[in-house]
Amino acid sequence: MSRPALTRDDVAHLAHLARLELTDSELDRYGDQLSVILSSVAEVTDAVGDQQIEPTSHAVPLTNVFRADEVRPGLTREQALDQAPAAEDGQFRVPQILGEE
């Protein structure tokens, strides 16, 4: 089945959406190339008979691979600060950065 070719305005609009700056010769060249691509995709779609294929967002079913969100005990402040190279007022002490106070 023959599909209408893209116009220069169509290509210019697509280029604008993609934030591309194209010259006049590029608009003509890409218009021809995109029309061939669209015709090829349409040919494959027609051959497959897409009417009998249920639309999906993924080719395979998705499953959650994360574990259950369960509360577990963590380190106390003292345990965390016990291994720190330097601590001050119950917090980690780190080197001064960029001369900030």
Protein backbone atom coordinates (compact mmCIF):
# COMPACT_ATOMS: atom_id res chain seq x y z
CA MET A 1 0.00 0.00 0.00
CA SER A 2 1.41 3.37 -1.01
CA ARG A 3 1.72 6.00 1.71
CA PRO A 4 1.95 9.74 1.08
CA ALA A 5 5.47 11.14 1.32
CA LEU A 6 6.38 13.57 4.05
CA THR A 7 6.31 17.21 3.03
CA ARG A 8 9.09 19.69 3.72
CA ASP A 9 6.81 21.26 6.34
CA ASP A 10 6.45 17.86 8.06
CA VAL A 11 10.22 17.43 8.17
CA ALA A 12 10.74 21.01 9.35
CA HIS A 13 8.18 20.45 12.11
CA LEU A 14 9.91 17.22 13.21
CA ALA A 15 13.28 18.98 13.17
CA HIS A 16 11.84 21.79 15.29
CA LEU A 17 10.46 19.29 17.81
CA ALA A 18 13.86 17.57 17.97
CA ARG A 19 15.60 20.95 18.31
CA LEU A 20 17.53 20.38 15.07
CA GLU A 21 18.55 23.14 12.72
CA LEU A 22 18.42 21.84 9.14
CA THR A 23 19.39 23.48 5.87
CA ASP A 24 17.07 23.45 2.83
CA SER A 25 19.03 20.63 1.22
CA GLU A 26 18.86 18.59 4.44
CA LEU A 27 15.09 19.09 4.63
CA ASP A 28 14.74 17.65 1.11
CA ARG A 29 17.16 14.77 1.70
CA TYR A 30 15.74 13.78 5.09
CA GLY A 31 12.19 14.09 3.79
CA ASP A 32 12.94 11.49 1.11
CA GLN A 33 14.74 9.22 3.58
CA LEU A 34 12.02 9.44 6.23
CA SER A 35 9.34 8.72 3.63
CA VAL A 36 11.18 5.52 2.62
CA ILE A 37 11.45 4.48 6.28
CA LEU A 38 7.76 5.13 6.93
CA SER A 39 6.78 3.20 3.81
CA SER A 40 8.92 0.25 4.91
CA VAL A 41 7.36 0.23 8.38
CA ALA A 42 3.87 0.46 6.87
CA GLU A 43 4.66 -2.47 4.57
CA VAL A 44 5.77 -4.64 7.50
CA THR A 45 2.75 -3.59 9.57
CA ASP A 46 0.39 -4.46 6.74
CA ALA A 47 2.07 -7.84 6.24
CA VAL A 48 1.88 -8.75 9.91
CA GLY A 49 -1.82 -8.06 10.16
CA ASP A 50 -1.72 -5.91 13.27
CA GLN A 51 -5.49 -6.18 13.73
CA GLN A 52 -5.09 -9.53 15.50
CA ILE A 53 -2.30 -8.48 17.85
CA GLU A 54 -3.32 -7.09 21.21
CA PRO A 55 -1.49 -3.84 22.04
CA THR A 56 1.02 -4.14 24.88
CA SER A 57 3.49 -1.85 26.56
CA HIS A 58 6.08 -4.62 27.03
CA ALA A 59 6.93 -7.80 25.13
CA VAL A 60 7.10 -9.85 28.34
CA PRO A 61 5.19 -9.50 31.60
CA LEU A 62 6.82 -7.31 34.24
CA THR A 63 7.39 -8.56 37.76
CA ASN A 64 8.62 -6.72 40.81
CA VAL A 65 12.08 -7.96 41.78
CA PHE A 66 12.32 -5.94 44.99
CA ARG A 67 11.99 -7.49 48.39
CA ALA A 68 9.18 -6.54 50.75
CA ASP A 69 9.62 -3.22 52.52
CA GLU A 70 10.11 -4.32 56.13
CA VAL A 71 11.38 -2.35 59.10
CA ARG A 72 14.64 -3.79 60.44
CA PRO A 73 16.86 -2.58 63.26
CA GLY A 74 19.73 -0.33 62.21
CA LEU A 75 22.77 1.13 63.88
CA THR A 76 22.40 3.39 66.84
CA ARG A 77 24.06 6.79 66.67
CA GLU A 78 26.79 5.59 69.01
CA GLN A 79 27.49 2.50 66.88
CA ALA A 80 27.74 4.58 63.70
CA LEU A 81 29.97 7.22 65.25
CA ASP A 82 32.15 4.58 66.96
CA GLN A 83 33.84 3.76 63.62
CA ALA A 84 34.07 7.36 62.36
CA PRO A 85 37.55 8.88 62.09
CA ALA A 86 36.22 12.03 63.80
CA ALA A 87 32.97 12.93 65.56
CA GLU A 88 31.73 16.07 67.24
CA ASP A 89 28.46 16.83 69.06
CA GLY A 90 26.93 13.49 68.01
CA GLN A 91 27.70 14.04 64.30
CA PHE A 92 30.38 13.02 61.82
CA ARG A 93 33.17 15.59 61.62
CA VAL A 94 34.37 16.15 58.07
CA PRO A 95 37.06 18.40 56.61
CA GLN A 96 36.10 21.95 55.74
CA ILE A 97 35.08 22.27 52.06
CA LEU A 98 35.81 25.35 49.90
CA GLY A 99 36.51 27.57 52.87
CA GLU A 100 32.92 27.44 54.14
CA GLU A 101 32.18 27.94 57.81
